[in-house]
Amino acid sequence: MGHLSTHVLDTMNGCPAAGMRVQLLRLDGDTSTTIKDIVLNADGRNDGGPLLDASTMAVGRYRLVFSVAQYFRQRDVRLPEPAFIDEVPIDFGIADAAGHYHVPLLVSPWAYSTYRGS
């Protein structure tokens, strides 16, 4: 059964990014539709299961938007104004609605990386 999940690790502090806001959008040409707007739990993951489950997975283009600067400010990290990294948008495609898509983010105020996880 297909599903979409994410997990964020704060590489500055060496911990899950608990409390980070994440938005999931469906992209259709120049139009985007917000599907979910969540706050990550203590493990840096979504409470309540996957972002998309078997009943909501669909082939198409998507975007995850991670509110990085807001998260680090909430942790009392002094950031320049404007912050070097404010939000991290990750655009990706779902080609197989029955597949497992995992989009992890490793992030600090100065750098980030992602990959298709398992």
PDB file of N, CA and C in Angstrom:
ATOM      1  N   MET A   1       0.841  -1.185   0.000  1.00  0.00           N
ATOM      2  CA  MET A   1       0.000   0.000   0.000  1.00  0.00           C
ATOM      3  C   MET A   1       0.881   1.241   0.000  1.00  0.00           C
ATOM      4  N   GLY A   2       0.562   2.181  -0.862  1.00  0.00           N
ATOM      5  CA  GLY A   2       1.360   3.381  -0.983  1.00  0.00           C
ATOM      6  C   GLY A   2       1.168   4.357   0.166  1.00  0.00           C
ATOM      7  N   HIS A   3       2.230   5.101   0.445  1.00  0.00           N
ATOM      8  CA  HIS A   3       2.113   6.198   1.399  1.00  0.00           C
ATOM      9  C   HIS A   3       3.317   7.129   1.282  1.00  0.00           C
ATOM     10  N   LEU A   4       3.132   8.343   1.808  1.00  0.00           N
ATOM     11  CA  LEU A   4       4.167   9.378   1.827  1.00  0.00           C
ATOM     12  C   LEU A   4       4.450   9.745   3.266  1.00  0.00           C
ATOM     13  N   SER A   5       5.740   9.800   3.603  1.00  0.00           N
ATOM     14  CA  SER A   5       6.133  10.201   4.956  1.00  0.00           C
ATOM     15  C   SER A   5       7.346  11.125   4.880  1.00  0.00           C
ATOM     16  N   THR A   6       7.613  11.790   5.999  1.00  0.00           N
ATOM     17  CA  THR A   6       8.796  12.636   6.112  1.00  0.00           C
ATOM     18  C   THR A   6       9.372  12.491   7.509  1.00  0.00           C
ATOM     19  N   HIS A   7      10.614  12.921   7.659  1.00  0.00           N
ATOM     20  CA  HIS A   7      11.303  12.892   8.946  1.00  0.00           C
ATOM     21  C   HIS A   7      12.361  13.984   8.873  1.00  0.00           C
ATOM     22  N   VAL A   8      12.430  14.841   9.892  1.00  0.00           N
ATOM     23  CA  VAL A   8      13.401  15.936   9.869  1.00  0.00           C
ATOM     24  C   VAL A   8      14.341  15.808  11.059  1.00  0.00           C
ATOM     25  N   LEU A   9      15.651  15.885  10.746  1.00  0.00           N
ATOM     26  CA  LEU A   9      16.678  15.873  11.778  1.00  0.00           C
ATOM     27  C   LEU A   9      17.390  17.213  11.799  1.00  0.00           C
ATOM     28  N   ASP A  10      17.514  17.776  12.986  1.00  0.00           N
ATOM     29  CA  ASP A  10      18.210  19.028  13.241  1.00  0.00           C
ATOM     30  C   ASP A  10      19.684  18.672  13.430  1.00  0.00           C
ATOM     31  N   THR A  11      20.503  18.938  12.403  1.00  0.00           N
ATOM     32  CA  THR A  11      21.913  18.557  12.483  1.00  0.00           C
ATOM     33  C   THR A  11      22.742  19.533  13.307  1.00  0.00           C
ATOM     34  N   MET A  12      22.207  20.714  13.590  1.00  0.00           N
ATOM     35  CA  MET A  12      22.925  21.660  14.456  1.00  0.00           C
ATOM     36  C   MET A  12      22.930  21.159  15.893  1.00  0.00           C
ATOM     37  N   ASN A  13      21.790  20.647  16.338  1.00  0.00           N
ATOM     38  CA  ASN A  13      21.638  20.206  17.723  1.00  0.00           C
ATOM     39  C   ASN A  13      21.683  18.696  17.885  1.00  0.00           C
ATOM     40  N   GLY A  14      21.731  17.963  16.768  1.00  0.00           N
ATOM     41  CA  GLY A  14      21.822  16.510  16.837  1.00  0.00           C
ATOM     42  C   GLY A  14      20.581  15.851  17.393  1.00  0.00           C
ATOM     43  N   CYS A  15      19.406  16.293  16.908  1.00  0.00           N
ATOM     44  CA  CYS A  15      18.150  15.764  17.426  1.00  0.00           C
ATOM     45  C   CYS A  15      17.051  15.863  16.366  1.00  0.00           C
ATOM     46  N   PRO A  16      15.921  15.186  16.599  1.00  0.00           N
ATOM     47  CA  PRO A  16      14.780  15.371  15.703  1.00  0.00           C
ATOM     48  C   PRO A  16      14.290  16.820  15.774  1.00  0.00           C
ATOM     49  N   ALA A  17      13.725  17.311  14.690  1.00  0.00           N
ATOM     50  CA  ALA A  17      13.249  18.699  14.620  1.00  0.00           C
ATOM     51  C   ALA A  17      11.818  18.807  15.144  1.00  0.00           C
ATOM     52  N   ALA A  18      11.650  18.510  16.420  1.00  0.00           N
ATOM     53  CA  ALA A  18      10.334  18.574  17.059  1.00  0.00           C
ATOM     54  C   ALA A  18       9.805  20.001  17.023  1.00  0.00           C
ATOM     55  N   GLY A  19       8.571  20.145  16.585  1.00  0.00           N
ATOM     56  CA  GLY A  19       7.935  21.460  16.545  1.00  0.00           C
ATOM     57  C   GLY A  19       8.062  22.185  15.213  1.00  0.00           C
ATOM     58  N   MET A  20       8.776  21.610  14.244  1.00  0.00           N
ATOM     59  CA  MET A  20       8.903  22.267  12.940  1.00  0.00           C
ATOM     60  C   MET A  20       7.580  22.161  12.176  1.00  0.00           C
ATOM     61  N   ARG A  21       7.187  23.266  11.555  1.00  0.00           N
ATOM     62  CA  ARG A  21       5.992  23.295  10.710  1.00  0.00           C
ATOM     63  C   ARG A  21       6.366  22.801   9.316  1.00  0.00           C
ATOM     64  N   VAL A  22       5.480  21.965   8.746  1.00  0.00           N
ATOM     65  CA  VAL A  22       5.676  21.422   7.404  1.00  0.00           C
ATOM     66  C   VAL A  22       4.345  21.492   6.662  1.00  0.00           C
ATOM     67  N   GLN A  23       4.406  21.974   5.435  1.00  0.00           N
ATOM     68  CA  GLN A  23       3.222  21.998   4.582  1.00  0.00           C
ATOM     69  C   GLN A  23       3.428  21.038   3.418  1.00  0.00           C
ATOM     70  N   LEU A  24       2.368  20.329   3.039  1.00  0.00           N
ATOM     71  CA  LEU A  24       2.359  19.482   1.862  1.00  0.00           C
ATOM     72  C   LEU A  24       1.405  20.095   0.854  1.00  0.00           C
ATOM     73  N   LEU A  25       1.916  20.324  -0.361  1.00  0.00           N
ATOM     74  CA  LEU A  25       1.106  20.902  -1.427  1.00  0.00           C
ATOM     75  C   LEU A  25       1.087  19.982  -2.635  1.00  0.00           C
ATOM     76  N   ARG A  26      -0.017  19.983  -3.343  1.00  0.00           N
ATOM     77  CA  ARG A  26      -0.138  19.289  -4.634  1.00  0.00           C
ATOM     78  C   ARG A  26       0.098  20.343  -5.704  1.00  0.00           C
ATOM     79  N   LEU A  27       0.968  20.061  -6.667  1.00  0.00           N
ATOM     80  CA  LEU A  27       1.297  20.996  -7.732  1.00  0.00           C
ATOM     81  C   LEU A  27       0.598  20.571  -9.016  1.00  0.00           C
ATOM     82  N   ASP A  28      -0.003  21.554  -9.682  1.00  0.00           N
ATOM     83  CA  ASP A  28      -0.667  21.299 -10.960  1.00  0.00           C
ATOM     84  C   ASP A  28      -0.393  22.494 -11.858  1.00  0.00           C
ATOM     85  N   GLY A  29       0.676  22.404 -12.647  1.00  0.00           N
ATOM     86  CA  GLY A  29       1.086  23.548 -13.465  1.00  0.00           C
ATOM     87  C   GLY A  29       1.534  24.683 -12.563  1.00  0.00           C
ATOM     88  N   ASP A  30       0.927  25.863 -12.733  1.00  0.00           N
ATOM     89  CA  ASP A  30       1.240  27.028 -11.909  1.00  0.00           C
ATOM     90  C   ASP A  30       0.404  27.105 -10.639  1.00  0.00           C
ATOM     91  N   THR A  31      -0.456  26.135 -10.430  1.00  0.00           N
ATOM     92  CA  THR A  31      -1.358  26.128  -9.280  1.00  0.00           C
ATOM     93  C   THR A  31      -0.868  25.149  -8.223  1.00  0.00           C
ATOM     94  N   SER A  32      -0.981  25.560  -6.959  1.00  0.00           N
ATOM     95  CA  SER A  32      -0.664  24.645  -5.857  1.00  0.00           C
ATOM     96  C   SER A  32      -1.837  24.636  -4.883  1.00  0.00           C
ATOM     97  N   THR A  33      -2.095  23.461  -4.327  1.00  0.00           N
ATOM     98  CA  THR A  33      -3.177  23.273  -3.365  1.00  0.00           C
ATOM     99  C   THR A  33      -2.594  22.677  -2.100  1.00  0.00           C
ATOM    100  N   THR A  34      -2.844  23.319  -0.953  1.00  0.00           N
ATOM    101  CA  THR A  34      -2.359  22.788   0.316  1.00  0.00           C
ATOM    102  C   THR A  34      -3.179  21.564   0.700  1.00  0.00           C
ATOM    103  N   ILE A  35      -2.482  20.470   0.960  1.00  0.00           N
ATOM    104  CA  ILE A  35      -3.123  19.226   1.367  1.00  0.00           C
ATOM    105  C   ILE A  35      -3.063  19.062   2.877  1.00  0.00           C
ATOM    106  N   LYS A  36      -1.898  19.363   3.458  1.00  0.00           N
ATOM    107  CA  LYS A  36      -1.722  19.254   4.911  1.00  0.00           C
ATOM    108  C   LYS A  36      -0.812  20.361   5.397  1.00  0.00           C
ATOM    109  N   ASP A  37      -1.027  20.753   6.633  1.00  0.00           N
ATOM    110  CA  ASP A  37      -0.198  21.733   7.339  1.00  0.00           C
ATOM    111  C   ASP A  37      -0.013  21.151   8.736  1.00  0.00           C
ATOM    112  N   ILE A  38       1.187  20.687   9.031  1.00  0.00           N
ATOM    113  CA  ILE A  38       1.414  19.934  10.269  1.00  0.00           C
ATOM    114  C   ILE A  38       2.566  20.525  11.078  1.00  0.00           C
ATOM    115  N   VAL A  39       2.677  20.075  12.316  1.00  0.00           N
ATOM    116  CA  VAL A  39       3.816  20.356  13.183  1.00  0.00           C
ATOM    117  C   VAL A  39       4.392  19.007  13.586  1.00  0.00           C
ATOM    118  N   LEU A  40       5.705  18.859  13.416  1.00  0.00           N
ATOM    119  CA  LEU A  40       6.350  17.578  13.685  1.00  0.00           C
ATOM    120  C   LEU A  40       6.378  17.254  15.176  1.00  0.00           C
ATOM    121  N   ASN A  41       6.266  15.980  15.488  1.00  0.00           N
ATOM    122  CA  ASN A  41       6.245  15.522  16.872  1.00  0.00           C
ATOM    123  C   ASN A  41       7.664  15.416  17.442  1.00  0.00           C
ATOM    124  N   ALA A  42       7.788  14.861  18.634  1.00  0.00           N
ATOM    125  CA  ALA A  42       9.080  14.783  19.331  1.00  0.00           C
ATOM    126  C   ALA A  42      10.108  13.948  18.577  1.00  0.00           C
ATOM    127  N   ASP A  43       9.648  13.080  17.669  1.00  0.00           N
ATOM    128  CA  ASP A  43      10.554  12.263  16.874  1.00  0.00           C
ATOM    129  C   ASP A  43      10.845  12.906  15.505  1.00  0.00           C
ATOM    130  N   GLY A  44      10.358  14.131  15.276  1.00  0.00           N
ATOM    131  CA  GLY A  44      10.573  14.811  14.001  1.00  0.00           C
ATOM    132  C   GLY A  44       9.729  14.247  12.876  1.00  0.00           C
ATOM    133  N   ARG A  45       8.604  13.623  13.253  1.00  0.00           N
ATOM    134  CA  ARG A  45       7.705  12.989  12.283  1.00  0.00           C
ATOM    135  C   ARG A  45       6.284  13.510  12.464  1.00  0.00           C
ATOM    136  N   ASN A  46       5.420  13.116  11.540  1.00  0.00           N
ATOM    137  CA  ASN A  46       4.004  13.496  11.599  1.00  0.00           C
ATOM    138  C   ASN A  46       3.251  12.587  12.562  1.00  0.00           C
ATOM    139  N   ASP A  47       2.479  13.169  13.469  1.00  0.00           N
ATOM    140  CA  ASP A  47       1.564  12.382  14.291  1.00  0.00           C
ATOM    141  C   ASP A  47       0.408  11.915  13.418  1.00  0.00           C
ATOM    142  N   GLY A  48      -0.146  10.781  13.739  1.00  0.00           N
ATOM    143  CA  GLY A  48      -1.352  10.344  13.044  1.00  0.00           C
ATOM    144  C   GLY A  48      -1.111   9.649  11.725  1.00  0.00           C
ATOM    145  N   GLY A  49       0.077   9.093  11.535  1.00  0.00           N
ATOM    146  CA  GLY A  49       0.299   8.322  10.320  1.00  0.00           C
ATOM    147  C   GLY A  49       0.945   9.109   9.203  1.00  0.00           C
ATOM    148  N   PRO A  50       0.942   8.542   8.008  1.00  0.00           N
ATOM    149  CA  PRO A  50       1.640   9.173   6.887  1.00  0.00           C
ATOM    150  C   PRO A  50       0.962  10.454   6.420  1.00  0.00           C
ATOM    151  N   LEU A  51       1.713  11.259   5.664  1.00  0.00           N
ATOM    152  CA  LEU A  51       1.159  12.482   5.080  1.00  0.00           C
ATOM    153  C   LEU A  51       0.094  12.146   4.038  1.00  0.00           C
ATOM    154  N   LEU A  52       0.369  11.126   3.247  1.00  0.00           N
ATOM    155  CA  LEU A  52      -0.614  10.561   2.319  1.00  0.00           C
ATOM    156  C   LEU A  52      -0.657   9.064   2.594  1.00  0.00           C
ATOM    157  N   ASP A  53      -1.857   8.510   2.665  1.00  0.00           N
ATOM    158  CA  ASP A  53      -1.981   7.073   2.864  1.00  0.00           C
ATOM    159  C   ASP A  53      -2.494   6.428   1.577  1.00  0.00           C
ATOM    160  N   ALA A  54      -2.774   5.144   1.628  1.00  0.00           N
ATOM    161  CA  ALA A  54      -3.181   4.409   0.430  1.00  0.00           C
ATOM    162  C   ALA A  54      -4.411   5.021  -0.232  1.00  0.00           C
ATOM    163  N   SER A  55      -5.305   5.601   0.562  1.00  0.00           N
ATOM    164  CA  SER A  55      -6.539   6.163  -0.004  1.00  0.00           C
ATOM    165  C   SER A  55      -6.336   7.554  -0.621  1.00  0.00           C
ATOM    166  N   THR A  56      -5.237   8.241  -0.263  1.00  0.00           N
ATOM    167  CA  THR A  56      -5.016   9.603  -0.772  1.00  0.00           C
ATOM    168  C   THR A  56      -3.807   9.727  -1.694  1.00  0.00           C
ATOM    169  N   MET A  57      -3.013   8.659  -1.813  1.00  0.00           N
ATOM    170  CA  MET A  57      -1.862   8.692  -2.722  1.00  0.00           C
ATOM    171  C   MET A  57      -2.344   8.811  -4.162  1.00  0.00           C
ATOM    172  N   ALA A  58      -1.682   9.679  -4.913  1.00  0.00           N
ATOM    173  CA  ALA A  58      -2.027   9.849  -6.333  1.00  0.00           C
ATOM    174  C   ALA A  58      -0.763  10.228  -7.089  1.00  0.00           C
ATOM    175  N   VAL A  59      -0.655   9.743  -8.304  1.00  0.00           N
ATOM    176  CA  VAL A  59       0.447  10.121  -9.178  1.00  0.00           C
ATOM    177  C   VAL A  59       0.389  11.628  -9.394  1.00  0.00           C
ATOM    178  N   GLY A  60       1.541  12.288  -9.339  1.00  0.00           N
ATOM    179  CA  GLY A  60       1.568  13.730  -9.575  1.00  0.00           C
ATOM    180  C   GLY A  60       2.780  14.391  -8.974  1.00  0.00           C
ATOM    181  N   ARG A  61       2.775  15.718  -9.029  1.00  0.00           N
ATOM    182  CA  ARG A  61       3.863  16.551  -8.501  1.00  0.00           C
ATOM    183  C   ARG A  61       3.430  17.108  -7.153  1.00  0.00           C
ATOM    184  N   TYR A  62       4.381  17.144  -6.208  1.00  0.00           N
ATOM    185  CA  TYR A  62       4.105  17.600  -4.851  1.00  0.00           C
ATOM    186  C   TYR A  62       5.240  18.494  -4.368  1.00  0.00           C
ATOM    187  N   ARG A  63       4.971  19.239  -3.304  1.00  0.00           N
ATOM    188  CA  ARG A  63       5.985  20.071  -2.659  1.00  0.00           C
ATOM    189  C   ARG A  63       5.808  19.964  -1.151  1.00  0.00           C
ATOM    190  N   LEU A  64       6.909  19.714  -0.458  1.00  0.00           N
ATOM    191  CA  LEU A  64       6.960  19.835   0.993  1.00  0.00           C
ATOM    192  C   LEU A  64       7.683  21.136   1.305  1.00  0.00           C
ATOM    193  N   VAL A  65       7.127  21.948   2.204  1.00  0.00           N
ATOM    194  CA  VAL A  65       7.751  23.207   2.606  1.00  0.00           C
ATOM    195  C   VAL A  65       8.031  23.128   4.100  1.00  0.00           C
ATOM    196  N   PHE A  66       9.310  23.187   4.441  1.00  0.00           N
ATOM    197  CA  PHE A  66       9.762  23.074   5.820  1.00  0.00           C
ATOM    198  C   PHE A  66      10.099  24.465   6.343  1.00  0.00           C
ATOM    199  N   SER A  67       9.521  24.879   7.460  1.00  0.00           N
ATOM    200  CA  SER A  67       9.728  26.213   8.042  1.00  0.00           C
ATOM    201  C   SER A  67      10.963  26.186   8.940  1.00  0.00           C
ATOM    202  N   VAL A  68      12.119  26.280   8.315  1.00  0.00           N
ATOM    203  CA  VAL A  68      13.398  26.085   8.992  1.00  0.00           C
ATOM    204  C   VAL A  68      13.744  27.245   9.927  1.00  0.00           C
ATOM    205  N   ALA A  69      13.732  28.477   9.434  1.00  0.00           N
ATOM    206  CA  ALA A  69      14.104  29.619  10.273  1.00  0.00           C
ATOM    207  C   ALA A  69      13.166  29.745  11.479  1.00  0.00           C
ATOM    208  N   GLN A  70      11.889  29.563  11.253  1.00  0.00           N
ATOM    209  CA  GLN A  70      10.919  29.634  12.353  1.00  0.00           C
ATOM    210  C   GLN A  70      11.265  28.598  13.423  1.00  0.00           C
ATOM    211  N   TYR A  71      11.602  27.385  12.998  1.00  0.00           N
ATOM    212  CA  TYR A  71      11.970  26.318  13.937  1.00  0.00           C
ATOM    213  C   TYR A  71      13.193  26.717  14.760  1.00  0.00           C
ATOM    214  N   PHE A  72      14.271  27.192  14.110  1.00  0.00           N
ATOM    215  CA  PHE A  72      15.484  27.533  14.844  1.00  0.00           C
ATOM    216  C   PHE A  72      15.269  28.745  15.751  1.00  0.00           C
ATOM    217  N   ARG A  73      14.463  29.690  15.330  1.00  0.00           N
ATOM    218  CA  ARG A  73      14.150  30.828  16.223  1.00  0.00           C
ATOM    219  C   ARG A  73      13.413  30.344  17.466  1.00  0.00           C
ATOM    220  N   GLN A  74      12.522  29.381  17.310  1.00  0.00           N
ATOM    221  CA  GLN A  74      11.802  28.822  18.467  1.00  0.00           C
ATOM    222  C   GLN A  74      12.763  28.127  19.430  1.00  0.00           C
ATOM    223  N   ARG A  75      13.910  27.695  18.929  1.00  0.00           N
ATOM    224  CA  ARG A  75      14.942  27.068  19.773  1.00  0.00           C
ATOM    225  C   ARG A  75      15.960  28.090  20.260  1.00  0.00           C
ATOM    226  N   ASP A  76      15.637  29.375  20.098  1.00  0.00           N
ATOM    227  CA  ASP A  76      16.483  30.490  20.544  1.00  0.00           C
ATOM    228  C   ASP A  76      17.846  30.542  19.850  1.00  0.00           C
ATOM    229  N   VAL A  77      17.888  30.100  18.600  1.00  0.00           N
ATOM    230  CA  VAL A  77      19.100  30.237  17.791  1.00  0.00           C
ATOM    231  C   VAL A  77      19.086  31.633  17.189  1.00  0.00           C
ATOM    232  N   ARG A  78      20.164  32.370  17.374  1.00  0.00           N
ATOM    233  CA  ARG A  78      20.267  33.720  16.799  1.00  0.00           C
ATOM    234  C   ARG A  78      20.587  33.600  15.316  1.00  0.00           C
ATOM    235  N   LEU A  79      19.663  34.047  14.493  1.00  0.00           N
ATOM    236  CA  LEU A  79      19.824  33.994  13.043  1.00  0.00           C
ATOM    237  C   LEU A  79      19.972  35.402  12.507  1.00  0.00           C
ATOM    238  N   PRO A  80      20.703  35.573  11.401  1.00  0.00           N
ATOM    239  CA  PRO A  80      20.764  36.896  10.780  1.00  0.00           C
ATOM    240  C   PRO A  80      19.400  37.246  10.188  1.00  0.00           C
ATOM    241  N   GLU A  81      19.184  38.511   9.935  1.00  0.00           N
ATOM    242  CA  GLU A  81      17.951  38.968   9.275  1.00  0.00           C
ATOM    243  C   GLU A  81      18.310  39.554   7.931  1.00  0.00           C
ATOM    244  N   PRO A  82      17.839  39.004   6.859  1.00  0.00           N
ATOM    245  CA  PRO A  82      17.020  37.791   6.828  1.00  0.00           C
ATOM    246  C   PRO A  82      17.863  36.539   7.070  1.00  0.00           C
ATOM    247  N   ALA A  83      17.181  35.486   7.467  1.00  0.00           N
ATOM    248  CA  ALA A  83      17.869  34.215   7.711  1.00  0.00           C
ATOM    249  C   ALA A  83      18.452  33.687   6.406  1.00  0.00           C
ATOM    250  N   PHE A  84      19.594  33.018   6.503  1.00  0.00           N
ATOM    251  CA  PHE A  84      20.214  32.422   5.323  1.00  0.00           C
ATOM    252  C   PHE A  84      19.270  31.398   4.701  1.00  0.00           C
ATOM    253  N   ILE A  85      18.719  30.499   5.518  1.00  0.00           N
ATOM    254  CA  ILE A  85      17.711  29.543   5.055  1.00  0.00           C
ATOM    255  C   ILE A  85      16.436  29.825   5.829  1.00  0.00           C
ATOM    256  N   ASP A  86      15.405  30.259   5.105  1.00  0.00           N
ATOM    257  CA  ASP A  86      14.121  30.554   5.725  1.00  0.00           C
ATOM    258  C   ASP A  86      13.221  29.324   5.643  1.00  0.00           C
ATOM    259  N   GLU A  87      12.791  29.009   4.440  1.00  0.00           N
ATOM    260  CA  GLU A  87      11.994  27.816   4.202  1.00  0.00           C
ATOM    261  C   GLU A  87      12.730  26.934   3.198  1.00  0.00           C
ATOM    262  N   VAL A  88      12.550  25.631   3.342  1.00  0.00           N
ATOM    263  CA  VAL A  88      13.121  24.677   2.389  1.00  0.00           C
ATOM    264  C   VAL A  88      11.961  24.019   1.642  1.00  0.00           C
ATOM    265  N   PRO A  89      11.800  24.357   0.357  1.00  0.00           N
ATOM    266  CA  PRO A  89      10.802  23.660  -0.449  1.00  0.00           C
ATOM    267  C   PRO A  89      11.459  22.485  -1.172  1.00  0.00           C
ATOM    268  N   ILE A  90      10.836  21.340  -1.114  1.00  0.00           N
ATOM    269  CA  ILE A  90      11.323  20.171  -1.839  1.00  0.00           C
ATOM    270  C   ILE A  90      10.212  19.725  -2.775  1.00  0.00           C
ATOM    271  N   ASP A  91      10.451  19.886  -4.073  1.00  0.00           N
ATOM    272  CA  ASP A  91       9.508  19.444  -5.092  1.00  0.00           C
ATOM    273  C   ASP A  91       9.874  18.022  -5.506  1.00  0.00           C
ATOM    274  N   PHE A  92       8.893  17.154  -5.618  1.00  0.00           N
ATOM    275  CA  PHE A  92       9.135  15.762  -5.976  1.00  0.00           C
ATOM    276  C   PHE A  92       7.915  15.200  -6.685  1.00  0.00           C
ATOM    277  N   GLY A  93       8.124  14.097  -7.352  1.00  0.00           N
ATOM    278  CA  GLY A  93       7.036  13.451  -8.064  1.00  0.00           C
ATOM    279  C   GLY A  93       6.720  12.087  -7.494  1.00  0.00           C
ATOM    280  N   ILE A  94       5.452  11.743  -7.522  1.00  0.00           N
ATOM    281  CA  ILE A  94       4.998  10.401  -7.184  1.00  0.00           C
ATOM    282  C   ILE A  94       4.574   9.755  -8.492  1.00  0.00           C
ATOM    283  N   ALA A  95       5.338   8.748  -8.920  1.00  0.00           N
ATOM    284  CA  ALA A  95       5.064   8.058 -10.178  1.00  0.00           C
ATOM    285  C   ALA A  95       4.281   6.766  -9.965  1.00  0.00           C
ATOM    286  N   ASP A  96       4.299   6.252  -8.733  1.00  0.00           N
ATOM    287  CA  ASP A  96       3.647   4.990  -8.409  1.00  0.00           C
ATOM    288  C   ASP A  96       2.827   5.188  -7.139  1.00  0.00           C
ATOM    289  N   ALA A  97       1.515   5.305  -7.288  1.00  0.00           N
ATOM    290  CA  ALA A  97       0.634   5.557  -6.142  1.00  0.00           C
ATOM    291  C   ALA A  97       0.627   4.402  -5.142  1.00  0.00           C
ATOM    292  N   ALA A  98       1.134   3.249  -5.539  1.00  0.00           N
ATOM    293  CA  ALA A  98       1.211   2.109  -4.622  1.00  0.00           C
ATOM    294  C   ALA A  98       2.571   2.035  -3.936  1.00  0.00           C
ATOM    295  N   GLY A  99       3.467   2.965  -4.259  1.00  0.00           N
ATOM    296  CA  GLY A  99       4.816   2.945  -3.699  1.00  0.00           C
ATOM    297  C   GLY A  99       4.924   3.637  -2.357  1.00  0.00           C
ATOM    298  N   HIS A 100       6.052   3.377  -1.690  1.00  0.00           N
ATOM    299  CA  HIS A 100       6.370   4.057  -0.430  1.00  0.00           C
ATOM    300  C   HIS A 100       7.347   5.171  -0.752  1.00  0.00           C
ATOM    301  N   TYR A 101       6.950   6.405  -0.475  1.00  0.00           N
ATOM    302  CA  TYR A 101       7.789   7.576  -0.699  1.00  0.00           C
ATOM    303  C   TYR A 101       8.096   8.197   0.656  1.00  0.00           C
ATOM    304  N   HIS A 102       9.381   8.288   0.968  1.00  0.00           N
ATOM    305  CA  HIS A 102       9.824   8.883   2.226  1.00  0.00           C
ATOM    306  C   HIS A 102      10.785  10.009   1.874  1.00  0.00           C
ATOM    307  N   VAL A 103      10.503  11.220   2.379  1.00  0.00           N
ATOM    308  CA  VAL A 103      11.309  12.403   2.062  1.00  0.00           C
ATOM    309  C   VAL A 103      11.898  12.951   3.361  1.00  0.00           C
ATOM    310  N   PRO A 104      13.095  12.502   3.730  1.00  0.00           N
ATOM    311  CA  PRO A 104      13.739  13.016   4.927  1.00  0.00           C
ATOM    312  C   PRO A 104      14.459  14.333   4.643  1.00  0.00           C
ATOM    313  N   LEU A 105      14.633  15.132   5.691  1.00  0.00           N
ATOM    314  CA  LEU A 105      15.384  16.381   5.590  1.00  0.00           C
ATOM    315  C   LEU A 105      16.375  16.432   6.747  1.00  0.00           C
ATOM    316  N   LEU A 106      17.630  16.694   6.413  1.00  0.00           N
ATOM    317  CA  LEU A 106      18.677  16.954   7.402  1.00  0.00           C
ATOM    318  C   LEU A 106      18.975  18.434   7.288  1.00  0.00           C
ATOM    319  N   VAL A 107      18.875  19.181   8.405  1.00  0.00           N
ATOM    320  CA  VAL A 107      18.910  20.638   8.276  1.00  0.00           C
ATOM    321  C   VAL A 107      19.615  21.321   9.442  1.00  0.00           C
ATOM    322  N   SER A 108      20.286  22.417   9.113  1.00  0.00           N
ATOM    323  CA  SER A 108      20.849  23.355  10.088  1.00  0.00           C
ATOM    324  C   SER A 108      20.489  24.746   9.580  1.00  0.00           C
ATOM    325  N   PRO A 109      20.829  25.808  10.306  1.00  0.00           N
ATOM    326  CA  PRO A 109      20.544  27.148   9.779  1.00  0.00           C
ATOM    327  C   PRO A 109      21.353  27.485   8.527  1.00  0.00           C
ATOM    328  N   TRP A 110      22.350  26.661   8.194  1.00  0.00           N
ATOM    329  CA  TRP A 110      23.283  26.991   7.106  1.00  0.00           C
ATOM    330  C   TRP A 110      23.299  25.997   5.962  1.00  0.00           C
ATOM    331  N   ALA A 111      22.683  24.844   6.121  1.00  0.00           N
ATOM    332  CA  ALA A 111      22.748  23.817   5.077  1.00  0.00           C
ATOM    333  C   ALA A 111      21.620  22.817   5.255  1.00  0.00           C
ATOM    334  N   TYR A 112      21.299  22.126   4.147  1.00  0.00           N
ATOM    335  CA  TYR A 112      20.323  21.045   4.233  1.00  0.00           C
ATOM    336  C   TYR A 112      20.596  20.029   3.133  1.00  0.00           C
ATOM    337  N   SER A 113      20.076  18.815   3.355  1.00  0.00           N
ATOM    338  CA  SER A 113      20.146  17.787   2.335  1.00  0.00           C
ATOM    339  C   SER A 113      18.913  16.877   2.470  1.00  0.00           C
ATOM    340  N   THR A 114      18.603  16.237   1.361  1.00  0.00           N
ATOM    341  CA  THR A 114      17.468  15.324   1.324  1.00  0.00           C
ATOM    342  C   THR A 114      17.781  14.187   0.359  1.00  0.00           C
ATOM    343  N   TYR A 115      16.943  13.192   0.369  1.00  0.00           N
ATOM    344  CA  TYR A 115      17.090  12.046  -0.525  1.00  0.00           C
ATOM    345  C   TYR A 115      15.785  11.266  -0.480  1.00  0.00           C
ATOM    346  N   ARG A 116      15.617  10.325  -1.387  1.00  0.00           N
ATOM    347  CA  ARG A 116      14.449   9.462  -1.294  1.00  0.00           C
ATOM    348  C   ARG A 116      14.789   8.341  -0.332  1.00  0.00           C
ATOM    349  N   GLY A 117      14.149   8.366   0.807  1.00  0.00           N
ATOM    350  CA  GLY A 117      14.426   7.393   1.843  1.00  0.00           C
ATOM    351  C   GLY A 117      13.676   6.097   1.624  1.00  0.00           C
ATOM    352  N   SER A 118      13.827   5.204   2.565  1.00  0.00           N
ATOM    353  CA  SER A 118      13.166   3.906   2.457  1.00  0.00           C
ATOM    354  C   SER A 118      12.151   3.736   3.585  1.00  0.00           C
TER     355      SER A 118
END
